[in-house]
Amino acid sequence: MVCLAVGGLLLAIFWLTRRVDPRPPEASAAALRPATSRTAPSSGPSTGVRSTAGLKLDRAENLLPDHRSAKAQKDEVVKQWGEFLKTEKARLGAETFDPVAKRWLERPRLKALIEEWKALEEAWPERSEQERDGQLPRIRAMWTEAMSEFAAELAAAGHPTTLPEPR
C-alpha cells in the first residue's frame, strides 16, 4: 500500500515538473505535401469553381421576400416614420417643429389619411395574415404620402428636408 502511494506521488511529481515546449509542433512532411488534384471532373452540380466576378445585381429585379409577419412589417413602417419625425424635431427644435406639425395635422389630405389609418387599425385584428399582407403596400403608400405632406409643410416654412428611403 505504501509502495502504491509513493509510486503515485513520484508519478505526480514527474508529471508536474516535466518541461512543456510552448512552440507548436512542426508539421510533418505529409501535411506539407500539396493535396492531389482531380483530373476528371466529379459528377454533380458542384463541378468547377464558382465566381461572383460576372454577377450583376439589379435591386429592382432581385427582391427577396420579407419573411417577417405582416404585423412586424407594418410596425417597421410606423417606426421608420416615427424616427423620421423625431429626427426632424431634434433638428429643428420644438419651437419650429411644433407649429409646422400643427399646420400639417390640419391639412385635409392628412385628415383623410388619418381616418383611413384608424379604419385599417380597427379591422386589423380580424383580418387573416394573407389579407394583412395585401394591405401592406397601401400602408406603405399612406405613410409615404403623409410624410410627403409633412416635407411640403416644412419646405413651405423654409426648412426643406429629404425623406428617407422606405425600408
C-alpha atoms as a PDB file:
ATOM      1  CA  MET A   1       0.000   0.000   0.000  1.00  0.00           C
ATOM      2  CA  VAL A   2       2.855   2.364   0.835  1.00  0.00           C
ATOM      3  CA  CYS A   3       4.538   1.465  -2.459  1.00  0.00           C
ATOM      4  CA  LEU A   4       1.409   2.433  -4.348  1.00  0.00           C
ATOM      5  CA  ALA A   5       1.228   5.803  -2.571  1.00  0.00           C
ATOM      6  CA  VAL A   6       4.926   6.514  -3.164  1.00  0.00           C
ATOM      7  CA  GLY A   7       4.588   5.459  -6.806  1.00  0.00           C
ATOM      8  CA  GLY A   8       1.590   7.775  -7.255  1.00  0.00           C
ATOM      9  CA  LEU A   9       3.479  10.622  -5.588  1.00  0.00           C
ATOM     10  CA  LEU A  10       6.512  10.104  -7.860  1.00  0.00           C
ATOM     11  CA  LEU A  11       4.281   9.990 -10.929  1.00  0.00           C
ATOM     12  CA  ALA A  12       2.590  13.231  -9.870  1.00  0.00           C
ATOM     13  CA  ILE A  13       5.930  14.953  -9.261  1.00  0.00           C
ATOM     14  CA  PHE A  14       7.199  13.752 -12.644  1.00  0.00           C
ATOM     15  CA  TRP A  15       4.009  14.961 -14.368  1.00  0.00           C
ATOM     16  CA  LEU A  16       4.102  18.408 -12.718  1.00  0.00           C
ATOM     17  CA  THR A  17       7.820  19.032 -13.275  1.00  0.00           C
ATOM     18  CA  ARG A  18       8.115  17.939 -16.900  1.00  0.00           C
ATOM     19  CA  ARG A  19       9.006  20.677 -19.353  1.00  0.00           C
ATOM     20  CA  VAL A  20       6.391  21.756 -21.845  1.00  0.00           C
ATOM     21  CA  ASP A  21       7.595  23.276 -25.104  1.00  0.00           C
ATOM     22  CA  PRO A  22       5.475  26.415 -25.786  1.00  0.00           C
ATOM     23  CA  ARG A  23       6.139  26.199 -29.539  1.00  0.00           C
ATOM     24  CA  PRO A  24       3.586  24.371 -31.655  1.00  0.00           C
ATOM     25  CA  PRO A  25       4.757  21.065 -33.107  1.00  0.00           C
ATOM     26  CA  GLU A  26       6.250  21.229 -36.581  1.00  0.00           C
ATOM     27  CA  ALA A  27       4.150  19.957 -39.443  1.00  0.00           C
ATOM     28  CA  SER A  28       5.030  16.566 -40.796  1.00  0.00           C
ATOM     29  CA  ALA A  29       6.119  16.021 -44.372  1.00  0.00           C
ATOM     30  CA  ALA A  30       2.721  14.521 -45.193  1.00  0.00           C
ATOM     31  CA  ALA A  31       0.945  17.656 -44.014  1.00  0.00           C
ATOM     32  CA  LEU A  32       3.222  19.887 -46.111  1.00  0.00           C
ATOM     33  CA  ARG A  33       2.657  17.915 -49.304  1.00  0.00           C
ATOM     34  CA  PRO A  34       0.056  19.538 -51.580  1.00  0.00           C
ATOM     35  CA  ALA A  35      -3.222  17.719 -51.983  1.00  0.00           C
ATOM     36  CA  THR A  36      -3.587  15.806 -55.215  1.00  0.00           C
ATOM     37  CA  SER A  37      -5.774  17.485 -57.758  1.00  0.00           C
ATOM     38  CA  ARG A  38      -8.553  15.759 -59.586  1.00  0.00           C
ATOM     39  CA  THR A  39      -8.032  15.101 -63.235  1.00  0.00           C
ATOM     40  CA  ALA A  40     -11.577  14.081 -64.040  1.00  0.00           C
ATOM     41  CA  PRO A  41     -14.499  16.285 -63.136  1.00  0.00           C
ATOM     42  CA  SER A  42     -16.776  14.944 -60.474  1.00  0.00           C
ATOM     43  CA  SER A  43     -20.402  14.359 -61.202  1.00  0.00           C
ATOM     44  CA  GLY A  44     -22.996  16.731 -59.812  1.00  0.00           C
ATOM     45  CA  PRO A  45     -23.643  20.460 -59.758  1.00  0.00           C
ATOM     46  CA  SER A  46     -20.541  21.365 -57.754  1.00  0.00           C
ATOM     47  CA  THR A  47     -18.020  20.904 -60.523  1.00  0.00           C
ATOM     48  CA  GLY A  48     -15.621  23.754 -61.014  1.00  0.00           C
ATOM     49  CA  VAL A  49     -15.000  26.935 -59.103  1.00  0.00           C
ATOM     50  CA  ARG A  50     -17.779  29.488 -58.932  1.00  0.00           C
ATOM     51  CA  SER A  51     -17.077  33.185 -59.116  1.00  0.00           C
ATOM     52  CA  THR A  52     -19.133  36.287 -58.457  1.00  0.00           C
ATOM     53  CA  ALA A  53     -16.963  38.379 -60.783  1.00  0.00           C
ATOM     54  CA  GLY A  54     -19.588  38.499 -63.531  1.00  0.00           C
ATOM     55  CA  LEU A  55     -22.590  38.826 -61.242  1.00  0.00           C
ATOM     56  CA  LYS A  56     -24.796  41.821 -61.989  1.00  0.00           C
ATOM     57  CA  LEU A  57     -27.145  42.893 -59.218  1.00  0.00           C
ATOM     58  CA  ASP A  58     -30.257  44.873 -60.004  1.00  0.00           C
ATOM     59  CA  ARG A  59     -32.164  45.934 -56.897  1.00  0.00           C
ATOM     60  CA  ALA A  60     -35.396  46.310 -58.840  1.00  0.00           C
ATOM     61  CA  GLU A  61     -35.349  42.727 -60.091  1.00  0.00           C
ATOM     62  CA  ASN A  62     -33.635  40.902 -57.219  1.00  0.00           C
ATOM     63  CA  LEU A  63     -36.119  41.387 -54.415  1.00  0.00           C
ATOM     64  CA  LEU A  64     -36.056  38.899 -51.598  1.00  0.00           C
ATOM     65  CA  PRO A  65     -39.357  38.149 -49.918  1.00  0.00           C
ATOM     66  CA  ASP A  66     -39.784  39.616 -46.473  1.00  0.00           C
ATOM     67  CA  HIS A  67     -40.279  36.693 -44.114  1.00  0.00           C
ATOM     68  CA  ARG A  68     -41.497  38.816 -41.223  1.00  0.00           C
ATOM     69  CA  SER A  69     -45.164  38.781 -40.295  1.00  0.00           C
ATOM     70  CA  ALA A  70     -47.444  41.461 -41.717  1.00  0.00           C
ATOM     71  CA  LYS A  71     -47.734  42.982 -38.236  1.00  0.00           C
ATOM     72  CA  ALA A  72     -43.945  43.200 -37.912  1.00  0.00           C
ATOM     73  CA  GLN A  73     -43.691  44.833 -41.346  1.00  0.00           C
ATOM     74  CA  LYS A  74     -46.472  47.315 -40.521  1.00  0.00           C
ATOM     75  CA  ASP A  75     -44.806  48.147 -37.207  1.00  0.00           C
ATOM     76  CA  GLU A  76     -41.492  48.718 -39.036  1.00  0.00           C
ATOM     77  CA  VAL A  77     -43.162  51.251 -41.367  1.00  0.00           C
ATOM     78  CA  VAL A  78     -44.672  53.128 -38.423  1.00  0.00           C
ATOM     79  CA  LYS A  79     -41.376  53.007 -36.539  1.00  0.00           C
ATOM     80  CA  GLN A  80     -39.383  54.327 -39.511  1.00  0.00           C
ATOM     81  CA  TRP A  81     -41.617  57.350 -39.990  1.00  0.00           C
ATOM     82  CA  GLY A  82     -41.789  57.940 -36.238  1.00  0.00           C
ATOM     83  CA  GLU A  83     -37.994  58.047 -36.187  1.00  0.00           C
ATOM     84  CA  PHE A  84     -38.080  60.499 -39.108  1.00  0.00           C
ATOM     85  CA  LEU A  85     -40.414  62.837 -37.221  1.00  0.00           C
ATOM     86  CA  LYS A  86     -38.317  62.541 -34.070  1.00  0.00           C
ATOM     87  CA  THR A  87     -35.148  63.358 -36.036  1.00  0.00           C
ATOM     88  CA  GLU A  88     -36.781  66.373 -37.663  1.00  0.00           C
ATOM     89  CA  LYS A  89     -37.971  67.665 -34.288  1.00  0.00           C
ATOM     90  CA  ALA A  90     -34.440  67.295 -32.901  1.00  0.00           C
ATOM     91  CA  ARG A  91     -33.001  69.031 -35.968  1.00  0.00           C
ATOM     92  CA  LEU A  92     -35.398  71.973 -35.938  1.00  0.00           C
ATOM     93  CA  GLY A  93     -36.170  72.301 -32.250  1.00  0.00           C
ATOM     94  CA  ALA A  94     -39.619  72.205 -30.691  1.00  0.00           C
ATOM     95  CA  GLU A  95     -40.291  75.935 -31.224  1.00  0.00           C
ATOM     96  CA  THR A  96     -40.003  75.481 -35.013  1.00  0.00           C
ATOM     97  CA  PHE A  97     -41.252  71.909 -35.340  1.00  0.00           C
ATOM     98  CA  ASP A  98     -44.469  72.167 -33.302  1.00  0.00           C
ATOM     99  CA  PRO A  99     -46.178  74.926 -35.375  1.00  0.00           C
ATOM    100  CA  VAL A 100     -45.225  73.121 -38.600  1.00  0.00           C
ATOM    101  CA  ALA A 101     -46.602  69.842 -37.248  1.00  0.00           C
ATOM    102  CA  LYS A 102     -49.828  71.576 -36.189  1.00  0.00           C
ATOM    103  CA  ARG A 103     -50.337  73.015 -39.687  1.00  0.00           C
ATOM    104  CA  TRP A 104     -49.518  69.581 -41.154  1.00  0.00           C
ATOM    105  CA  LEU A 105     -52.166  67.910 -38.977  1.00  0.00           C
ATOM    106  CA  GLU A 106     -54.743  70.467 -40.175  1.00  0.00           C
ATOM    107  CA  ARG A 107     -54.238  69.573 -43.850  1.00  0.00           C
ATOM    108  CA  PRO A 108     -57.398  67.988 -45.332  1.00  0.00           C
ATOM    109  CA  ARG A 109     -55.476  65.220 -47.099  1.00  0.00           C
ATOM    110  CA  LEU A 110     -53.711  64.245 -43.886  1.00  0.00           C
ATOM    111  CA  LYS A 111     -57.022  64.171 -42.018  1.00  0.00           C
ATOM    112  CA  ALA A 112     -58.347  61.756 -44.663  1.00  0.00           C
ATOM    113  CA  LEU A 113     -55.230  59.561 -44.316  1.00  0.00           C
ATOM    114  CA  ILE A 114     -55.631  59.504 -40.530  1.00  0.00           C
ATOM    115  CA  GLU A 115     -59.269  58.390 -40.865  1.00  0.00           C
ATOM    116  CA  GLU A 116     -58.238  55.667 -43.310  1.00  0.00           C
ATOM    117  CA  TRP A 117     -55.489  54.562 -40.904  1.00  0.00           C
ATOM    118  CA  LYS A 118     -57.939  54.384 -37.986  1.00  0.00           C
ATOM    119  CA  ALA A 119     -60.283  52.179 -40.034  1.00  0.00           C
ATOM    120  CA  LEU A 120     -57.386  49.938 -41.040  1.00  0.00           C
ATOM    121  CA  GLU A 121     -56.201  49.627 -37.438  1.00  0.00           C
ATOM    122  CA  GLU A 122     -59.706  48.726 -36.211  1.00  0.00           C
ATOM    123  CA  ALA A 123     -60.102  45.939 -38.793  1.00  0.00           C
ATOM    124  CA  TRP A 124     -56.507  44.652 -38.478  1.00  0.00           C
ATOM    125  CA  PRO A 125     -57.048  42.060 -35.692  1.00  0.00           C
ATOM    126  CA  GLU A 126     -59.942  40.432 -37.588  1.00  0.00           C
ATOM    127  CA  ARG A 127     -58.021  40.023 -40.836  1.00  0.00           C
ATOM    128  CA  SER A 128     -56.152  36.903 -41.896  1.00  0.00           C
ATOM    129  CA  GLU A 129     -52.395  37.028 -42.404  1.00  0.00           C
ATOM    130  CA  GLN A 130     -52.937  36.933 -46.179  1.00  0.00           C
ATOM    131  CA  GLU A 131     -55.333  39.896 -46.027  1.00  0.00           C
ATOM    132  CA  ARG A 132     -52.842  41.778 -43.871  1.00  0.00           C
ATOM    133  CA  ASP A 133     -50.074  41.086 -46.392  1.00  0.00           C
ATOM    134  CA  GLY A 134     -52.339  42.505 -49.081  1.00  0.00           C
ATOM    135  CA  GLN A 135     -52.739  45.745 -47.116  1.00  0.00           C
ATOM    136  CA  LEU A 136     -49.006  46.354 -46.639  1.00  0.00           C
ATOM    137  CA  PRO A 137     -48.463  48.216 -49.956  1.00  0.00           C
ATOM    138  CA  ARG A 138     -51.319  50.589 -49.057  1.00  0.00           C
ATOM    139  CA  ILE A 139     -49.908  51.092 -45.571  1.00  0.00           C
ATOM    140  CA  ARG A 140     -46.512  52.000 -47.001  1.00  0.00           C
ATOM    141  CA  ALA A 141     -48.119  54.338 -49.534  1.00  0.00           C
ATOM    142  CA  MET A 142     -50.239  56.044 -46.857  1.00  0.00           C
ATOM    143  CA  TRP A 143     -47.240  56.739 -44.640  1.00  0.00           C
ATOM    144  CA  THR A 144     -45.097  57.882 -47.562  1.00  0.00           C
ATOM    145  CA  GLU A 145     -47.850  60.260 -48.676  1.00  0.00           C
ATOM    146  CA  ALA A 146     -48.320  61.589 -45.133  1.00  0.00           C
ATOM    147  CA  MET A 147     -44.597  62.219 -44.775  1.00  0.00           C
ATOM    148  CA  SER A 148     -44.502  63.886 -48.197  1.00  0.00           C
ATOM    149  CA  GLU A 149     -47.215  66.222 -46.932  1.00  0.00           C
ATOM    150  CA  PHE A 150     -45.068  66.906 -43.861  1.00  0.00           C
ATOM    151  CA  ALA A 151     -41.992  67.571 -46.020  1.00  0.00           C
ATOM    152  CA  ALA A 152     -44.064  70.020 -48.105  1.00  0.00           C
ATOM    153  CA  GLU A 153     -45.157  71.806 -44.939  1.00  0.00           C
ATOM    154  CA  LEU A 154     -41.531  72.003 -43.790  1.00  0.00           C
ATOM    155  CA  ALA A 155     -40.454  73.392 -47.169  1.00  0.00           C
ATOM    156  CA  ALA A 156     -43.246  75.994 -47.037  1.00  0.00           C
ATOM    157  CA  ALA A 157     -41.926  77.068 -43.628  1.00  0.00           C
ATOM    158  CA  GLY A 158     -38.414  77.453 -45.073  1.00  0.00           C
ATOM    159  CA  HIS A 159     -36.991  74.201 -43.687  1.00  0.00           C
ATOM    160  CA  PRO A 160     -36.661  71.761 -46.593  1.00  0.00           C
ATOM    161  CA  THR A 161     -35.874  68.137 -45.778  1.00  0.00           C
ATOM    162  CA  THR A 162     -35.227  64.896 -47.564  1.00  0.00           C
ATOM    163  CA  LEU A 163     -37.438  61.894 -46.901  1.00  0.00           C
ATOM    164  CA  PRO A 164     -35.625  58.651 -46.115  1.00  0.00           C
ATOM    165  CA  GLU A 165     -35.927  55.662 -48.433  1.00  0.00           C
ATOM    166  CA  PRO A 166     -38.651  53.285 -47.238  1.00  0.00           C
ATOM    167  CA  ARG A 167     -37.205  50.160 -45.659  1.00  0.00           C
END
